[in-house]
Amino acid sequence: MRLLAAIATLGVAASAAPGQAEEGEYGVLFEAPGVEETFYACSACHSEKLVAQQGLPRERWDHLLDWMVAEQGMTELEPEERSIILDYLSTHYGPDRPHFQRP
């Protein structure tokens, strides 16, 4: 429990570092259609920052979702929600990562 508190404290300190962009309602994720579904599906298990740094093409995001369900215990997404999330990820966090906030 102390380890989790320490990690959370470090995360807050890192996010408040000078020179970094302010985090919005969905953390560092770019606000566009699909951000809400993506944020809540992904941040249930890990930081949205992990999502933002990946830079994967749609096919790899799709495979990664399959892997998370099969190997990590993620709840399988409904087809419509999955499509929304894949559209969002491939548009905003694909290989060129147009909305990845670099330090």
PDB file of N, CA and C in Angstrom:
ATOM      1  N   MET A   1       0.824  -1.185   0.000  1.00  0.00           N
ATOM      2  CA  MET A   1       0.000   0.000   0.000  1.00  0.00           C
ATOM      3  C   MET A   1       0.874   1.257   0.000  1.00  0.00           C
ATOM      4  N   ARG A   2       1.963   1.233   0.784  1.00  0.00           N
ATOM      5  CA  ARG A   2       2.864   2.386   0.827  1.00  0.00           C
ATOM      6  C   ARG A   2       3.515   2.606  -0.535  1.00  0.00           C
ATOM      7  N   LEU A   3       3.834   1.495  -1.224  1.00  0.00           N
ATOM      8  CA  LEU A   3       4.446   1.606  -2.544  1.00  0.00           C
ATOM      9  C   LEU A   3       3.501   2.304  -3.510  1.00  0.00           C
ATOM     10  N   LEU A   4       2.216   1.933  -3.476  1.00  0.00           N
ATOM     11  CA  LEU A   4       1.242   2.588  -4.351  1.00  0.00           C
ATOM     12  C   LEU A   4       1.124   4.074  -4.040  1.00  0.00           C
ATOM     13  N   ALA A   5       1.147   4.421  -2.784  1.00  0.00           N
ATOM     14  CA  ALA A   5       1.068   5.828  -2.405  1.00  0.00           C
ATOM     15  C   ALA A   5       2.294   6.580  -2.898  1.00  0.00           C
ATOM     16  N   ALA A   6       3.460   5.967  -2.793  1.00  0.00           N
ATOM     17  CA  ALA A   6       4.689   6.601  -3.263  1.00  0.00           C
ATOM     18  C   ALA A   6       4.661   6.791  -4.774  1.00  0.00           C
ATOM     19  N   ILE A   7       4.197   5.791  -5.497  1.00  0.00           N
ATOM     20  CA  ILE A   7       4.091   5.891  -6.952  1.00  0.00           C
ATOM     21  C   ILE A   7       3.112   6.991  -7.331  1.00  0.00           C
ATOM     22  N   ALA A   8       1.983   7.048  -6.646  1.00  0.00           N
ATOM     23  CA  ALA A   8       0.995   8.085  -6.933  1.00  0.00           C
ATOM     24  C   ALA A   8       1.576   9.466  -6.667  1.00  0.00           C
ATOM     25  N   THR A   9       2.328   9.607  -5.586  1.00  0.00           N
ATOM     26  CA  THR A   9       2.947  10.883  -5.258  1.00  0.00           C
ATOM     27  C   THR A   9       3.948  11.285  -6.333  1.00  0.00           C
ATOM     28  N   LEU A  10       4.757  10.331  -6.790  1.00  0.00           N
ATOM     29  CA  LEU A  10       5.723  10.610  -7.851  1.00  0.00           C
ATOM     30  C   LEU A  10       5.012  11.013  -9.132  1.00  0.00           C
ATOM     31  N   GLY A  11       3.910  10.355  -9.440  1.00  0.00           N
ATOM     32  CA  GLY A  11       3.145  10.682 -10.642  1.00  0.00           C
ATOM     33  C   GLY A  11       2.605  12.096 -10.593  1.00  0.00           C
ATOM     34  N   VAL A  12       2.124  12.514  -9.433  1.00  0.00           N
ATOM     35  CA  VAL A  12       1.607  13.873  -9.274  1.00  0.00           C
ATOM     36  C   VAL A  12       2.745  14.870  -9.394  1.00  0.00           C
ATOM     37  N   ALA A  13       3.873  14.572  -8.784  1.00  0.00           N
ATOM     38  CA  ALA A  13       5.015  15.475  -8.863  1.00  0.00           C
ATOM     39  C   ALA A  13       5.517  15.586 -10.294  1.00  0.00           C
ATOM     40  N   ALA A  14       5.577  14.478 -11.004  1.00  0.00           N
ATOM     41  CA  ALA A  14       6.054  14.497 -12.389  1.00  0.00           C
ATOM     42  C   ALA A  14       5.103  15.274 -13.282  1.00  0.00           C
ATOM     43  N   SER A  15       3.804  15.124 -13.038  1.00  0.00           N
ATOM     44  CA  SER A  15       2.843  15.817 -13.896  1.00  0.00           C
ATOM     45  C   SER A  15       2.827  17.323 -13.634  1.00  0.00           C
ATOM     46  N   ALA A  16       3.328  17.733 -12.485  1.00  0.00           N
ATOM     47  CA  ALA A  16       3.328  19.149 -12.150  1.00  0.00           C
ATOM     48  C   ALA A  16       4.674  19.812 -12.446  1.00  0.00           C
ATOM     49  N   ALA A  17       5.598  19.079 -13.093  1.00  0.00           N
ATOM     50  CA  ALA A  17       6.925  19.611 -13.375  1.00  0.00           C
ATOM     51  C   ALA A  17       6.830  20.837 -14.275  1.00  0.00           C
ATOM     52  N   PRO A  18       7.697  21.827 -14.030  1.00  0.00           N
ATOM     53  CA  PRO A  18       7.687  23.040 -14.856  1.00  0.00           C
ATOM     54  C   PRO A  18       7.965  22.699 -16.319  1.00  0.00           C
ATOM     55  N   GLY A  19       7.312  23.420 -17.220  1.00  0.00           N
ATOM     56  CA  GLY A  19       7.547  23.232 -18.644  1.00  0.00           C
ATOM     57  C   GLY A  19       6.681  22.173 -19.286  1.00  0.00           C
ATOM     58  N   GLN A  20       5.920  21.456 -18.502  1.00  0.00           N
ATOM     59  CA  GLN A  20       5.051  20.447 -19.078  1.00  0.00           C
ATOM     60  C   GLN A  20       3.650  21.025 -19.250  1.00  0.00           C
ATOM     61  N   ALA A  21       2.959  20.506 -20.270  1.00  0.00           N
ATOM     62  CA  ALA A  21       1.600  20.965 -20.540  1.00  0.00           C
ATOM     63  C   ALA A  21       0.668  20.550 -19.408  1.00  0.00           C
ATOM     64  N   GLU A  22      -0.333  21.370 -19.185  1.00  0.00           N
ATOM     65  CA  GLU A  22      -1.347  21.048 -18.188  1.00  0.00           C
ATOM     66  C   GLU A  22      -2.153  19.837 -18.643  1.00  0.00           C
ATOM     67  N   GLU A  23      -2.530  19.007 -17.709  1.00  0.00           N
ATOM     68  CA  GLU A  23      -3.369  17.865 -18.038  1.00  0.00           C
ATOM     69  C   GLU A  23      -4.825  18.296 -17.962  1.00  0.00           C
ATOM     70  N   GLY A  24      -5.621  17.772 -18.894  1.00  0.00           N
ATOM     71  CA  GLY A  24      -7.030  18.097 -18.941  1.00  0.00           C
ATOM     72  C   GLY A  24      -7.872  17.052 -18.250  1.00  0.00           C
ATOM     73  N   GLU A  25      -9.141  17.065 -18.552  1.00  0.00           N
ATOM     74  CA  GLU A  25     -10.090  16.118 -17.965  1.00  0.00           C
ATOM     75  C   GLU A  25      -9.700  14.675 -18.248  1.00  0.00           C
ATOM     76  N   TYR A  26      -9.030  14.440 -19.392  1.00  0.00           N
ATOM     77  CA  TYR A  26      -8.632  13.086 -19.785  1.00  0.00           C
ATOM     78  C   TYR A  26      -7.116  12.931 -19.737  1.00  0.00           C
ATOM     79  N   GLY A  27      -6.511  13.554 -18.741  1.00  0.00           N
ATOM     80  CA  GLY A  27      -5.067  13.464 -18.580  1.00  0.00           C
ATOM     81  C   GLY A  27      -4.357  14.102 -19.751  1.00  0.00           C
ATOM     82  N   VAL A  28      -3.367  13.403 -20.296  1.00  0.00           N
ATOM     83  CA  VAL A  28      -2.592  13.941 -21.412  1.00  0.00           C
ATOM     84  C   VAL A  28      -3.223  13.638 -22.768  1.00  0.00           C
ATOM     85  N   LEU A  29      -4.299  12.870 -22.789  1.00  0.00           N
ATOM     86  CA  LEU A  29      -4.911  12.489 -24.061  1.00  0.00           C
ATOM     87  C   LEU A  29      -5.547  13.698 -24.749  1.00  0.00           C
ATOM     88  N   PHE A  30      -5.368  13.750 -26.058  1.00  0.00           N
ATOM     89  CA  PHE A  30      -5.906  14.820 -26.884  1.00  0.00           C
ATOM     90  C   PHE A  30      -7.427  14.737 -26.894  1.00  0.00           C
ATOM     91  N   GLU A  31      -8.089  15.865 -26.651  1.00  0.00           N
ATOM     92  CA  GLU A  31      -9.552  15.868 -26.610  1.00  0.00           C
ATOM     93  C   GLU A  31     -10.117  15.919 -28.025  1.00  0.00           C
ATOM     94  N   ALA A  32     -10.750  14.828 -28.396  1.00  0.00           N
ATOM     95  CA  ALA A  32     -11.362  14.646 -29.712  1.00  0.00           C
ATOM     96  C   ALA A  32     -12.365  13.506 -29.565  1.00  0.00           C
ATOM     97  N   PRO A  33     -13.222  13.299 -30.565  1.00  0.00           N
ATOM     98  CA  PRO A  33     -14.166  12.183 -30.466  1.00  0.00           C
ATOM     99  C   PRO A  33     -13.438  10.872 -30.161  1.00  0.00           C
ATOM    100  N   GLY A  34     -13.930  10.174 -29.144  1.00  0.00           N
ATOM    101  CA  GLY A  34     -13.351   8.905 -28.727  1.00  0.00           C
ATOM    102  C   GLY A  34     -12.433   8.998 -27.524  1.00  0.00           C
ATOM    103  N   VAL A  35     -12.086  10.225 -27.099  1.00  0.00           N
ATOM    104  CA  VAL A  35     -11.167  10.368 -25.973  1.00  0.00           C
ATOM    105  C   VAL A  35     -11.770   9.817 -24.685  1.00  0.00           C
ATOM    106  N   GLU A  36     -13.040  10.062 -24.455  1.00  0.00           N
ATOM    107  CA  GLU A  36     -13.666   9.608 -23.212  1.00  0.00           C
ATOM    108  C   GLU A  36     -13.653   8.085 -23.125  1.00  0.00           C
ATOM    109  N   GLU A  37     -14.076   7.422 -24.199  1.00  0.00           N
ATOM    110  CA  GLU A  37     -14.095   5.954 -24.213  1.00  0.00           C
ATOM    111  C   GLU A  37     -12.683   5.397 -24.038  1.00  0.00           C
ATOM    112  N   THR A  38     -11.732   6.020 -24.728  1.00  0.00           N
ATOM    113  CA  THR A  38     -10.345   5.557 -24.645  1.00  0.00           C
ATOM    114  C   THR A  38      -9.792   5.755 -23.241  1.00  0.00           C
ATOM    115  N   PHE A  39     -10.004   6.925 -22.680  1.00  0.00           N
ATOM    116  CA  PHE A  39      -9.494   7.224 -21.348  1.00  0.00           C
ATOM    117  C   PHE A  39     -10.011   6.223 -20.320  1.00  0.00           C
ATOM    118  N   TYR A  40     -11.315   6.004 -20.295  1.00  0.00           N
ATOM    119  CA  TYR A  40     -11.872   5.134 -19.260  1.00  0.00           C
ATOM    120  C   TYR A  40     -11.550   3.659 -19.496  1.00  0.00           C
ATOM    121  N   ALA A  41     -11.462   3.233 -20.741  1.00  0.00           N
ATOM    122  CA  ALA A  41     -11.102   1.841 -21.020  1.00  0.00           C
ATOM    123  C   ALA A  41      -9.649   1.575 -20.641  1.00  0.00           C
ATOM    124  N   CYS A  42      -8.778   2.510 -20.936  1.00  0.00           N
ATOM    125  CA  CYS A  42      -7.345   2.297 -20.735  1.00  0.00           C
ATOM    126  C   CYS A  42      -6.887   2.626 -19.317  1.00  0.00           C
ATOM    127  N   SER A  43      -7.373   3.720 -18.762  1.00  0.00           N
ATOM    128  CA  SER A  43      -6.881   4.144 -17.451  1.00  0.00           C
ATOM    129  C   SER A  43      -7.449   3.307 -16.309  1.00  0.00           C
ATOM    130  N   ALA A  44      -8.325   2.367 -16.627  1.00  0.00           N
ATOM    131  CA  ALA A  44      -8.797   1.445 -15.591  1.00  0.00           C
ATOM    132  C   ALA A  44      -7.645   0.569 -15.095  1.00  0.00           C
ATOM    133  N   CYS A  45      -6.626   0.372 -15.945  1.00  0.00           N
ATOM    134  CA  CYS A  45      -5.505  -0.504 -15.588  1.00  0.00           C
ATOM    135  C   CYS A  45      -4.155   0.206 -15.548  1.00  0.00           C
ATOM    136  N   HIS A  46      -4.003   1.271 -16.307  1.00  0.00           N
ATOM    137  CA  HIS A  46      -2.706   1.949 -16.359  1.00  0.00           C
ATOM    138  C   HIS A  46      -2.900   3.412 -16.745  1.00  0.00           C
ATOM    139  N   SER A  47      -1.824   4.144 -16.661  1.00  0.00           N
ATOM    140  CA  SER A  47      -1.854   5.578 -16.974  1.00  0.00           C
ATOM    141  C   SER A  47      -2.145   5.819 -18.446  1.00  0.00           C
ATOM    142  N   GLU A  48      -2.846   6.892 -18.722  1.00  0.00           N
ATOM    143  CA  GLU A  48      -3.090   7.290 -20.108  1.00  0.00           C
ATOM    144  C   GLU A  48      -1.792   7.709 -20.773  1.00  0.00           C
ATOM    145  N   LYS A  49      -0.783   8.048 -19.988  1.00  0.00           N
ATOM    146  CA  LYS A  49       0.524   8.417 -20.537  1.00  0.00           C
ATOM    147  C   LYS A  49       1.151   7.235 -21.267  1.00  0.00           C
ATOM    148  N   LEU A  50       0.923   6.041 -20.770  1.00  0.00           N
ATOM    149  CA  LEU A  50       1.418   4.837 -21.432  1.00  0.00           C
ATOM    150  C   LEU A  50       0.782   4.691 -22.810  1.00  0.00           C
ATOM    151  N   VAL A  51      -0.478   5.017 -22.912  1.00  0.00           N
ATOM    152  CA  VAL A  51      -1.191   4.963 -24.191  1.00  0.00           C
ATOM    153  C   VAL A  51      -0.590   5.982 -25.157  1.00  0.00           C
ATOM    154  N   ALA A  52      -0.414   7.203 -24.691  1.00  0.00           N
ATOM    155  CA  ALA A  52       0.020   8.304 -25.551  1.00  0.00           C
ATOM    156  C   ALA A  52       1.406   8.087 -26.147  1.00  0.00           C
ATOM    157  N   GLN A  53       2.247   7.340 -25.468  1.00  0.00           N
ATOM    158  CA  GLN A  53       3.616   7.177 -25.956  1.00  0.00           C
ATOM    159  C   GLN A  53       3.790   6.033 -26.943  1.00  0.00           C
ATOM    160  N   GLN A  54       2.782   5.207 -27.167  1.00  0.00           N
ATOM    161  CA  GLN A  54       2.963   3.995 -27.966  1.00  0.00           C
ATOM    162  C   GLN A  54       3.221   4.234 -29.453  1.00  0.00           C
ATOM    163  N   GLY A  55       2.410   5.022 -30.121  1.00  0.00           N
ATOM    164  CA  GLY A  55       2.628   5.286 -31.538  1.00  0.00           C
ATOM    165  C   GLY A  55       2.462   4.070 -32.426  1.00  0.00           C
ATOM    166  N   LEU A  56       1.357   3.376 -32.284  1.00  0.00           N
ATOM    167  CA  LEU A  56       1.123   2.150 -33.052  1.00  0.00           C
ATOM    168  C   LEU A  56       0.136   2.382 -34.190  1.00  0.00           C
ATOM    169  N   PRO A  57       0.288   1.618 -35.285  1.00  0.00           N
ATOM    170  CA  PRO A  57      -0.739   1.665 -36.335  1.00  0.00           C
ATOM    171  C   PRO A  57      -1.996   0.936 -35.838  1.00  0.00           C
ATOM    172  N   ARG A  58      -3.119   1.175 -36.493  1.00  0.00           N
ATOM    173  CA  ARG A  58      -4.399   0.605 -36.069  1.00  0.00           C
ATOM    174  C   ARG A  58      -4.329  -0.915 -35.852  1.00  0.00           C
ATOM    175  N   GLU A  59      -3.669  -1.626 -36.750  1.00  0.00           N
ATOM    176  CA  GLU A  59      -3.601  -3.093 -36.646  1.00  0.00           C
ATOM    177  C   GLU A  59      -2.896  -3.524 -35.360  1.00  0.00           C
ATOM    178  N   ARG A  60      -1.853  -2.793 -34.979  1.00  0.00           N
ATOM    179  CA  ARG A  60      -1.135  -3.122 -33.744  1.00  0.00           C
ATOM    180  C   ARG A  60      -1.961  -2.764 -32.514  1.00  0.00           C
ATOM    181  N   TRP A  61      -2.682  -1.627 -32.566  1.00  0.00           N
ATOM    182  CA  TRP A  61      -3.579  -1.286 -31.457  1.00  0.00           C
ATOM    183  C   TRP A  61      -4.622  -2.394 -31.299  1.00  0.00           C
ATOM    184  N   ASP A  62      -5.173  -2.857 -32.418  1.00  0.00           N
ATOM    185  CA  ASP A  62      -6.185  -3.912 -32.397  1.00  0.00           C
ATOM    186  C   ASP A  62      -5.624  -5.180 -31.758  1.00  0.00           C
ATOM    187  N   HIS A  63      -4.423  -5.557 -32.166  1.00  0.00           N
ATOM    188  CA  HIS A  63      -3.761  -6.735 -31.596  1.00  0.00           C
ATOM    189  C   HIS A  63      -3.497  -6.536 -30.103  1.00  0.00           C
ATOM    190  N   LEU A  64      -3.077  -5.324 -29.728  1.00  0.00           N
ATOM    191  CA  LEU A  64      -2.799  -5.039 -28.324  1.00  0.00           C
ATOM    192  C   LEU A  64      -4.065  -5.166 -27.464  1.00  0.00           C
ATOM    193  N   LEU A  65      -5.197  -4.712 -27.992  1.00  0.00           N
ATOM    194  CA  LEU A  65      -6.459  -4.891 -27.256  1.00  0.00           C
ATOM    195  C   LEU A  65      -6.777  -6.372 -27.071  1.00  0.00           C
ATOM    196  N   ASP A  66      -6.577  -7.175 -28.121  1.00  0.00           N
ATOM    197  CA  ASP A  66      -6.784  -8.629 -28.002  1.00  0.00           C
ATOM    198  C   ASP A  66      -5.886  -9.209 -26.917  1.00  0.00           C
ATOM    199  N   TRP A  67      -4.610  -8.795 -26.924  1.00  0.00           N
ATOM    200  CA  TRP A  67      -3.646  -9.293 -25.943  1.00  0.00           C
ATOM    201  C   TRP A  67      -4.055  -8.905 -24.522  1.00  0.00           C
ATOM    202  N   MET A  68      -4.523  -7.666 -24.345  1.00  0.00           N
ATOM    203  CA  MET A  68      -4.913  -7.224 -23.007  1.00  0.00           C
ATOM    204  C   MET A  68      -6.104  -8.018 -22.484  1.00  0.00           C
ATOM    205  N   VAL A  69      -7.029  -8.368 -23.360  1.00  0.00           N
ATOM    206  CA  VAL A  69      -8.172  -9.184 -22.949  1.00  0.00           C
ATOM    207  C   VAL A  69      -7.701 -10.591 -22.599  1.00  0.00           C
ATOM    208  N   ALA A  70      -6.913 -11.194 -23.473  1.00  0.00           N
ATOM    209  CA  ALA A  70      -6.486 -12.593 -23.299  1.00  0.00           C
ATOM    210  C   ALA A  70      -5.481 -12.766 -22.169  1.00  0.00           C
ATOM    211  N   GLU A  71      -4.544 -11.840 -22.043  1.00  0.00           N
ATOM    212  CA  GLU A  71      -3.434 -12.040 -21.109  1.00  0.00           C
ATOM    213  C   GLU A  71      -3.473 -11.178 -19.850  1.00  0.00           C
ATOM    214  N   GLN A  72      -4.185 -10.069 -19.887  1.00  0.00           N
ATOM    215  CA  GLN A  72      -4.159  -9.140 -18.764  1.00  0.00           C
ATOM    216  C   GLN A  72      -5.492  -9.006 -18.041  1.00  0.00           C
ATOM    217  N   GLY A  73      -6.498  -9.727 -18.506  1.00  0.00           N
ATOM    218  CA  GLY A  73      -7.783  -9.710 -17.819  1.00  0.00           C
ATOM    219  C   GLY A  73      -8.653  -8.504 -18.108  1.00  0.00           C
ATOM    220  N   MET A  74      -8.347  -7.783 -19.173  1.00  0.00           N
ATOM    221  CA  MET A  74      -9.186  -6.639 -19.541  1.00  0.00           C
ATOM    222  C   MET A  74     -10.559  -7.148 -19.973  1.00  0.00           C
ATOM    223  N   THR A  75     -11.588  -6.426 -19.614  1.00  0.00           N
ATOM    224  CA  THR A  75     -12.928  -6.768 -20.050  1.00  0.00           C
ATOM    225  C   THR A  75     -13.032  -6.519 -21.548  1.00  0.00           C
ATOM    226  N   GLU A  76     -13.580  -7.472 -22.258  1.00  0.00           N
ATOM    227  CA  GLU A  76     -13.716  -7.319 -23.705  1.00  0.00           C
ATOM    228  C   GLU A  76     -14.651  -6.155 -24.012  1.00  0.00           C
ATOM    229  N   LEU A  77     -14.262  -5.349 -24.960  1.00  0.00           N
ATOM    230  CA  LEU A  77     -15.053  -4.186 -25.348  1.00  0.00           C
ATOM    231  C   LEU A  77     -16.165  -4.581 -26.304  1.00  0.00           C
ATOM    232  N   GLU A  78     -17.264  -3.855 -26.233  1.00  0.00           N
ATOM    233  CA  GLU A  78     -18.327  -4.030 -27.220  1.00  0.00           C
ATOM    234  C   GLU A  78     -17.778  -3.587 -28.579  1.00  0.00           C
ATOM    235  N   PRO A  79     -18.217  -4.217 -29.674  1.00  0.00           N
ATOM    236  CA  PRO A  79     -17.673  -3.875 -30.994  1.00  0.00           C
ATOM    237  C   PRO A  79     -17.720  -2.382 -31.332  1.00  0.00           C
ATOM    238  N   GLU A  80     -18.814  -1.708 -31.020  1.00  0.00           N
ATOM    239  CA  GLU A  80     -18.921  -0.281 -31.325  1.00  0.00           C
ATOM    240  C   GLU A  80     -17.909   0.536 -30.528  1.00  0.00           C
ATOM    241  N   GLU A  81     -17.777   0.224 -29.225  1.00  0.00           N
ATOM    242  CA  GLU A  81     -16.821   0.942 -28.384  1.00  0.00           C
ATOM    243  C   GLU A  81     -15.388   0.664 -28.841  1.00  0.00           C
ATOM    244  N   ARG A  82     -15.109  -0.573 -29.187  1.00  0.00           N
ATOM    245  CA  ARG A  82     -13.773  -0.944 -29.671  1.00  0.00           C
ATOM    246  C   ARG A  82     -13.425  -0.151 -30.936  1.00  0.00           C
ATOM    247  N   SER A  83     -14.381  -0.045 -31.838  1.00  0.00           N
ATOM    248  CA  SER A  83     -14.165   0.698 -33.083  1.00  0.00           C
ATOM    249  C   SER A  83     -13.883   2.177 -32.794  1.00  0.00           C
ATOM    250  N   ILE A  84     -14.622   2.768 -31.873  1.00  0.00           N
ATOM    251  CA  ILE A  84     -14.422   4.166 -31.490  1.00  0.00           C
ATOM    252  C   ILE A  84     -13.017   4.347 -30.922  1.00  0.00           C
ATOM    253  N   ILE A  85     -12.609   3.445 -30.047  1.00  0.00           N
ATOM    254  CA  ILE A  85     -11.292   3.528 -29.419  1.00  0.00           C
ATOM    255  C   ILE A  85     -10.185   3.335 -30.453  1.00  0.00           C
ATOM    256  N   LEU A  86     -10.342   2.367 -31.342  1.00  0.00           N
ATOM    257  CA  LEU A  86      -9.337   2.145 -32.382  1.00  0.00           C
ATOM    258  C   LEU A  86      -9.241   3.338 -33.329  1.00  0.00           C
ATOM    259  N   ASP A  87     -10.376   3.929 -33.663  1.00  0.00           N
ATOM    260  CA  ASP A  87     -10.357   5.128 -34.504  1.00  0.00           C
ATOM    261  C   ASP A  87      -9.580   6.248 -33.808  1.00  0.00           C
ATOM    262  N   TYR A  88      -9.879   6.449 -32.548  1.00  0.00           N
ATOM    263  CA  TYR A  88      -9.217   7.496 -31.773  1.00  0.00           C
ATOM    264  C   TYR A  88      -7.705   7.242 -31.686  1.00  0.00           C
ATOM    265  N   LEU A  89      -7.335   6.032 -31.284  1.00  0.00           N
ATOM    266  CA  LEU A  89      -5.916   5.717 -31.103  1.00  0.00           C
ATOM    267  C   LEU A  89      -5.129   5.817 -32.401  1.00  0.00           C
ATOM    268  N   SER A  90      -5.680   5.276 -33.470  1.00  0.00           N
ATOM    269  CA  SER A  90      -4.942   5.293 -34.736  1.00  0.00           C
ATOM    270  C   SER A  90      -4.848   6.712 -35.314  1.00  0.00           C
ATOM    271  N   THR A  91      -5.819   7.550 -35.034  1.00  0.00           N
ATOM    272  CA  THR A  91      -5.794   8.933 -35.522  1.00  0.00           C
ATOM    273  C   THR A  91      -4.845   9.805 -34.711  1.00  0.00           C
ATOM    274  N   HIS A  92      -4.902   9.690 -33.406  1.00  0.00           N
ATOM    275  CA  HIS A  92      -4.165  10.620 -32.548  1.00  0.00           C
ATOM    276  C   HIS A  92      -2.892  10.048 -31.947  1.00  0.00           C
ATOM    277  N   TYR A  93      -2.759   8.722 -31.909  1.00  0.00           N
ATOM    278  CA  TYR A  93      -1.572   8.095 -31.329  1.00  0.00           C
ATOM    279  C   TYR A  93      -1.074   6.959 -32.212  1.00  0.00           C
ATOM    280  N   GLY A  94      -1.128   7.209 -33.514  1.00  0.00           N
ATOM    281  CA  GLY A  94      -0.559   6.294 -34.495  1.00  0.00           C
ATOM    282  C   GLY A  94       0.945   6.500 -34.574  1.00  0.00           C
ATOM    283  N   PRO A  95       1.585   5.954 -35.607  1.00  0.00           N
ATOM    284  CA  PRO A  95       3.049   6.033 -35.716  1.00  0.00           C
ATOM    285  C   PRO A  95       3.615   7.457 -35.686  1.00  0.00           C
ATOM    286  N   ASP A  96       2.897   8.429 -36.217  1.00  0.00           N
ATOM    287  CA  ASP A  96       3.424   9.801 -36.197  1.00  0.00           C
ATOM    288  C   ASP A  96       3.085  10.547 -34.909  1.00  0.00           C
ATOM    289  N   ARG A  97       2.175  10.007 -34.106  1.00  0.00           N
ATOM    290  CA  ARG A  97       1.781  10.538 -32.795  1.00  0.00           C
ATOM    291  C   ARG A  97       1.667  12.056 -32.792  1.00  0.00           C
ATOM    292  N   PRO A  98       0.735  12.611 -33.566  1.00  0.00           N
ATOM    293  CA  PRO A  98       0.644  14.069 -33.658  1.00  0.00           C
ATOM    294  C   PRO A  98       0.306  14.768 -32.340  1.00  0.00           C
ATOM    295  N   HIS A  99      -0.237  14.029 -31.380  1.00  0.00           N
ATOM    296  CA  HIS A  99      -0.643  14.675 -30.127  1.00  0.00           C
ATOM    297  C   HIS A  99       0.125  14.153 -28.915  1.00  0.00           C
ATOM    298  N   PHE A 100       1.266  13.522 -29.175  1.00  0.00           N
ATOM    299  CA  PHE A 100       2.116  13.057 -28.080  1.00  0.00           C
ATOM    300  C   PHE A 100       2.921  14.241 -27.569  1.00  0.00           C
ATOM    301  N   GLN A 101       2.776  14.535 -26.280  1.00  0.00           N
ATOM    302  CA  GLN A 101       3.473  15.678 -25.687  1.00  0.00           C
ATOM    303  C   GLN A 101       4.881  15.238 -25.288  1.00  0.00           C
ATOM    304  N   ARG A 102       5.839  15.678 -26.056  1.00  0.00           N
ATOM    305  CA  ARG A 102       7.230  15.345 -25.757  1.00  0.00           C
ATOM    306  C   ARG A 102       7.782  16.368 -24.774  1.00  0.00           C
ATOM    307  N   PRO A 103       8.658  15.904 -23.875  1.00  0.00           N
ATOM    308  CA  PRO A 103       9.253  16.843 -22.898  1.00  0.00           C
ATOM    309  C   PRO A 103      10.117  17.884 -23.559  1.00  0.00           C
TER     310      PRO A 103
END
